[in-house]
Protein backbone atom coordinates (compact mmCIF):
# COMPACT_ATOMS: atom_id res chain seq x y z
CA MET A 1 -0.51 14.51 0.29
CA ILE A 2 1.70 14.46 -3.40
CA GLU A 3 3.15 17.81 -4.11
CA VAL A 4 3.54 18.77 -7.98
CA SER A 5 5.97 21.34 -9.16
CA LEU A 6 5.90 22.26 -12.84
CA TYR A 7 9.03 23.97 -14.11
CA THR A 8 8.29 26.67 -16.47
CA LEU A 9 9.95 29.16 -18.31
CA ALA A 10 8.84 32.62 -18.02
CA ASP A 11 7.20 32.57 -21.62
CA GLY A 12 5.39 29.08 -20.31
CA ASP A 13 7.24 26.80 -21.77
CA MET A 14 7.77 23.70 -18.84
CA THR A 15 11.41 22.74 -18.43
CA GLY A 16 9.94 19.66 -16.19
CA PHE A 17 8.42 18.80 -13.11
CA ARG A 18 9.12 16.95 -9.75
CA LEU A 19 6.80 15.07 -7.63
CA LYS A 20 6.85 14.11 -4.12
CA GLY A 21 5.15 12.66 -1.01
CA HIS A 22 2.57 10.23 -0.91
CA SER A 23 -1.00 10.87 -0.96
CA GLY A 24 -2.81 8.67 1.49
CA TYR A 25 -5.83 8.07 -0.38
CA ALA A 26 -5.25 4.59 0.77
CA GLU A 27 -3.17 1.89 1.98
CA SER A 28 0.34 1.33 -0.34
CA GLY A 29 -0.63 -1.02 -3.22
CA SER A 30 -3.92 0.18 -3.53
CA ASP A 31 -3.75 3.60 -3.61
CA ILE A 32 -5.35 4.86 -6.98
CA VAL A 33 -4.25 8.73 -6.44
CA CYS A 34 -0.22 7.74 -6.08
CA SER A 35 -0.42 5.14 -9.15
CA ALA A 36 -2.01 7.52 -11.50
CA VAL A 37 0.54 10.35 -10.61
CA SER A 38 3.39 7.96 -10.43
CA SER A 39 2.29 6.20 -13.63
CA ALA A 40 1.95 9.59 -15.56
CA GLY A 41 5.32 10.74 -14.61
CA LEU A 42 7.32 7.79 -15.47
CA MET A 43 5.57 7.45 -18.74
CA THR A 44 6.65 11.37 -19.07
CA ALA A 45 10.00 11.13 -18.54
CA ASN A 46 10.37 7.65 -20.48
CA THR A 47 9.01 9.66 -23.30
CA VAL A 48 11.09 12.64 -23.18
CA THR A 49 14.66 10.44 -22.41
CA GLU A 50 13.72 7.11 -24.51
CA ILE A 51 11.56 8.01 -26.82
CA MET A 52 12.39 11.51 -27.99
CA LYS A 53 16.09 10.95 -26.88
CA ILE A 54 16.39 14.63 -25.12
CA SER A 55 19.13 14.97 -22.52
CA ALA A 56 17.50 15.49 -18.68
CA GLU A 57 18.52 15.50 -15.50
CA THR A 58 15.77 12.47 -13.77
CA GLN A 59 15.63 10.96 -10.72
CA ALA A 60 12.98 8.21 -9.60
CA ASP A 61 13.10 7.11 -6.12
CA GLU A 62 10.00 5.97 -3.07
CA GLY A 63 7.78 9.14 -3.15
CA ASN A 64 9.89 11.42 -5.93
CA ILE A 65 10.06 11.74 -9.16
CA MET A 66 11.62 14.50 -10.94
CA LEU A 67 12.34 15.60 -14.81
CA ARG A 68 14.74 18.47 -15.89
CA ILE A 69 15.31 19.12 -19.23
CA PHE A 70 17.71 22.19 -20.77
CA SER A 71 15.78 25.34 -21.48
CA GLU A 72 16.82 25.02 -25.27
CA ASP A 73 14.60 21.44 -25.52
CA ALA A 74 11.72 23.02 -24.01
CA ALA A 75 9.68 23.73 -27.80
CA LEU A 76 10.56 19.65 -28.56
CA CYS A 77 8.83 18.64 -25.22
CA ARG A 78 6.07 20.94 -25.08
CA ASP A 79 2.99 18.65 -26.41
CA VAL A 80 4.38 15.77 -23.95
CA LEU A 81 5.09 18.19 -21.07
CA GLN A 82 1.80 20.25 -21.28
CA GLY A 83 -0.24 16.59 -21.86
CA PHE A 84 1.72 15.72 -18.56
CA ARG A 85 0.70 19.15 -16.81
CA LEU A 86 -3.21 18.83 -17.96
CA HIS A 87 -3.54 15.45 -16.42
CA MET A 88 -1.79 16.53 -12.96
CA LEU A 89 -4.49 19.74 -12.77
CA LEU A 90 -7.52 17.19 -13.67
CA LEU A 91 -6.44 14.71 -10.83
CA GLU A 92 -5.85 17.56 -8.77
CA GLU A 93 -9.03 18.88 -9.40
CA GLN A 94 -10.76 15.05 -8.77
CA TYR A 95 -9.07 14.36 -5.76
CA PRO A 96 -7.84 18.12 -4.21
CA ASP A 97 -7.52 16.45 -0.57
CA TYR A 98 -4.72 14.37 -1.73
CA ILE A 99 -2.84 16.20 -4.31
CA ILE A 100 -1.38 19.51 -5.22
CA VAL A 101 0.05 21.31 -8.15
CA LYS A 102 2.25 24.25 -8.35
CA THR A 103 4.02 26.12 -10.77
CA THR A 104 7.37 27.06 -10.46
CA GLU A 105 9.34 29.55 -13.02
CA VAL A 106 13.14 28.70 -13.46
């Protein structure tokens, strides 16, 4: 199962996320759930760091993608991160046995 941890401030603004694990939906290379989650995570991280030029802590390796921005940049990244959150919640709704979304206040 893929665990999606959404990092939020007390006011609800997001400061990042961590994607961890494998869905187990299908074999590696054919797993549409894993592909959808990974692609959305990488696109979000790349948009924040490479397009918007926001300084962030990032990590990407086998079964683990993480993005953490500084709280002062949360408002600048609000729309991108809210879009990511919505996408993850819709994937969780569609594939509840393969993805779980959790919110963690930081």
